Amino acid sequence: MNAPIDKIQLQSTLRKMGNSTGLIVPKVILDQLGLESGAKVELRVENGELIAHPERRRIREGWEEDARRIGAGQPTQEEADWLEFDDRLDDDSPIPPEWLIADKS
């Protein structure tokens, strides 16, 4: 992305696109916003001006769909291993040797 420019003022033309009208946004403006063709933007009218900004990702966006997808399927082998892992050690249980760090001093 290019260094930010405080103020860019360019002209564009509204164009008919099917039943809608589109606004062509020059590349220099897209670059300043870090956007490319196909990006979603939010639009609003404020004091008679059209204001557009990159769509903001909403908190927890997609979590519900991910939970539904995960709940519908079988756990991966890694998830199954974690579910079966017993992290309780009795006081008299030996510590597995692979858990020990060799003293290198």
Protein backbone atom coordinates (compact mmCIF):
# COMPACT_ATOMS: atom_id res chain seq x y z
CA MET A 1 0.00 0.00 0.00
CA ASN A 2 1.28 3.47 -0.81
CA ALA A 3 2.03 6.03 1.86
CA PRO A 4 -1.24 7.68 2.93
CA ILE A 5 -2.20 10.88 1.19
CA ASP A 6 -4.08 13.29 3.43
CA LYS A 7 -6.55 14.34 0.81
CA ILE A 8 -7.33 12.90 -2.61
CA GLN A 9 -9.90 14.61 -4.76
CA LEU A 10 -10.76 12.98 -8.06
CA GLN A 11 -13.84 12.79 -10.23
CA SER A 12 -15.66 9.66 -11.33
CA THR A 13 -18.80 8.94 -13.28
CA LEU A 14 -21.85 6.99 -12.17
CA ARG A 15 -22.53 4.17 -14.62
CA LYS A 16 -25.59 2.06 -15.26
CA MET A 17 -25.02 -1.59 -14.20
CA GLY A 18 -28.12 -3.71 -14.72
CA ASN A 19 -30.87 -2.32 -12.49
CA SER A 20 -28.33 -0.46 -10.35
CA THR A 21 -25.81 2.30 -10.80
CA GLY A 22 -22.11 1.81 -10.08
CA LEU A 23 -19.35 4.18 -9.13
CA ILE A 24 -15.90 3.58 -10.57
CA VAL A 25 -13.28 4.06 -7.85
CA PRO A 26 -9.82 4.96 -9.19
CA LYS A 27 -6.95 2.62 -8.35
CA VAL A 28 -5.05 5.31 -6.41
CA ILE A 29 -7.97 5.50 -3.94
CA LEU A 30 -8.31 1.72 -3.70
CA ASP A 31 -4.57 1.51 -2.97
CA GLN A 32 -4.86 4.08 -0.19
CA LEU A 33 -7.64 2.02 1.41
CA GLY A 34 -5.92 -1.32 0.86
CA LEU A 35 -8.86 -2.52 -1.23
CA GLU A 36 -9.19 -4.29 -4.54
CA SER A 37 -11.99 -5.06 -6.93
CA GLY A 38 -14.64 -7.21 -5.26
CA ALA A 39 -14.03 -5.87 -1.74
CA LYS A 40 -17.12 -5.05 0.29
CA VAL A 41 -17.67 -1.49 1.49
CA GLU A 42 -20.22 0.10 3.77
CA LEU A 43 -22.08 3.11 2.39
CA ARG A 44 -23.95 5.89 4.16
CA VAL A 45 -25.20 9.35 3.43
CA GLU A 46 -24.14 12.04 5.87
CA ASN A 47 -24.93 15.73 5.43
CA GLY A 48 -25.70 15.18 1.76
CA GLU A 49 -22.42 13.34 1.10
CA LEU A 50 -21.86 9.71 0.16
CA ILE A 51 -19.39 8.11 2.56
CA ALA A 52 -17.87 4.73 1.80
CA HIS A 53 -15.44 2.79 3.95
CA PRO A 54 -14.13 -0.78 3.99
CA GLU A 55 -16.60 -3.20 5.55
CA ARG A 56 -15.75 -3.78 9.18
CA ARG A 57 -15.53 -7.35 10.36
CA ARG A 58 -18.01 -7.91 13.14
CA ILE A 59 -16.95 -9.39 16.46
CA ARG A 60 -17.44 -13.17 16.49
CA GLU A 61 -18.31 -13.13 12.80
CA GLY A 62 -18.55 -16.69 11.56
CA TRP A 63 -18.40 -18.30 15.02
CA GLU A 64 -21.95 -19.65 14.82
CA GLU A 65 -21.35 -21.29 11.46
CA ASP A 66 -18.03 -22.74 12.65
CA ALA A 67 -19.63 -24.18 15.80
CA ARG A 68 -22.44 -25.72 13.74
CA ARG A 69 -19.93 -27.22 11.29
CA ILE A 70 -17.74 -28.61 14.07
CA GLY A 71 -20.74 -29.99 15.96
CA ALA A 72 -22.04 -31.77 12.88
CA GLY A 73 -18.84 -33.67 12.18
CA GLN A 74 -16.55 -36.07 13.93
CA PRO A 75 -13.61 -34.58 15.81
CA THR A 76 -10.23 -34.66 14.12
CA GLN A 77 -7.68 -37.10 15.54
CA GLU A 78 -5.96 -34.23 17.37
CA GLU A 79 -9.27 -33.11 18.91
CA ALA A 80 -10.05 -36.72 19.94
CA ASP A 81 -6.61 -37.04 21.55
CA TRP A 82 -7.19 -33.90 23.58
CA LEU A 83 -10.64 -35.08 24.66
CA GLU A 84 -9.16 -38.39 25.88
CA PHE A 85 -6.12 -36.81 27.56
CA ASP A 86 -6.09 -37.30 31.33
CA ASP A 87 -4.13 -34.43 32.80
CA ARG A 88 -4.56 -35.61 36.39
CA LEU A 89 -1.45 -37.01 38.02
CA ASP A 90 -1.65 -38.75 41.36
CA ASP A 91 0.92 -37.55 43.90
CA ASP A 92 2.72 -40.89 43.73
CA SER A 93 2.60 -41.15 39.93
CA PRO A 94 6.01 -41.14 38.29
CA ILE A 95 6.70 -38.28 35.91
CA PRO A 96 7.06 -39.64 32.38
CA PRO A 97 10.72 -39.37 31.28
CA GLU A 98 9.77 -37.45 28.12
CA TRP A 99 8.47 -34.65 30.36
CA LEU A 100 11.84 -34.19 32.03
CA ILE A 101 14.36 -31.71 30.72
CA ALA A 102 17.94 -32.86 30.96
CA ASP A 103 20.22 -30.56 32.95
CA LYS A 104 22.91 -29.39 30.55
CA SER A 105 25.05 -27.50 33.08
